[in-house]
Amino acid sequence: MKPTKELIRQSETVTVNRSQINFAPYNPRKQDKKVVEALKKNFKKVGFLGGIQWNVTTSNLIGGHKRLEALDLINKYDGTLETDYEVRVEKIALDEKTEKEQNIFLNSKRVQGETDFEKLAAIFNDIDYLSAGMEDFDVKIMESIVPNFQFAENEDIKADIKSLKTEKEKIEHVKNVKKAFKSDVSDQNTPSHITITFETYNLKAEYLESMGINGDTIYITSETFFSAING
């Protein structure tokens, strides 16, 4: 079979030693231990699925800083030869200017697209939403956005509840989940929330990130909001 002509340049998947990779010192993404811990948990559950872009010209990461942080924690890497390990990366050769541009581009909310909540609702009951990186309030938002959406507990969620260490934790978890699912407001005439609508997703993302909040966030507590605006 005659190979097809390559229309665009593609990266090369290679395995390199962790010690060959540098974190880009200019990477604009903020440190977030919660994200790294979530990635670490996911890697241990399903394995490392890739997503690290590495510039062979400078040895800097272009994308995948938090993924590599999570792998470092799993492998207990401390920069020494004894803790060095192999990691699969997408090798790219770029000049420094293009590297910085791509680092920003890969982190830009403008090129990541918006969530189609109708499609998400169609598969929601087939997944463990916690393993998908979502939280209880995401369920609440789904119920308020998608007509006739009903969430049903699945076996994965029941297993998560069973894995909690104490009976007190289990009870508290169930309470929180039920609160999110049922949206049981005692007095409908005195709502405890407000809704702010932006013209586009990008405007919303930029505003939230200017406050130090993840641009994908669609629900925040008053505590988080006041903490953000008070700096």
Foldseek 3Di string as FASTA:
>chain_A
DDDDDDPDDFFDKDKDKPLLADEDPPQPDDDDVVVLVLLLVLCVVPNDPADWEAANQVNYTLDDPSNVVSVCVVQVDDNDPVSMDMDIHGYDHDDPVVSPVSSCVVVAPVPPDDDDLVVCLVCVQVDDVVNVVDDLLVLLVSPVPDPPRAHDDDPVVVVVLVPDDDPVSSVVVVVSNCCSRPVDDPDPVDDPDDDDDDPDLNVQLVVQVVLVHHSNDDDDDPVSVVVSVVD
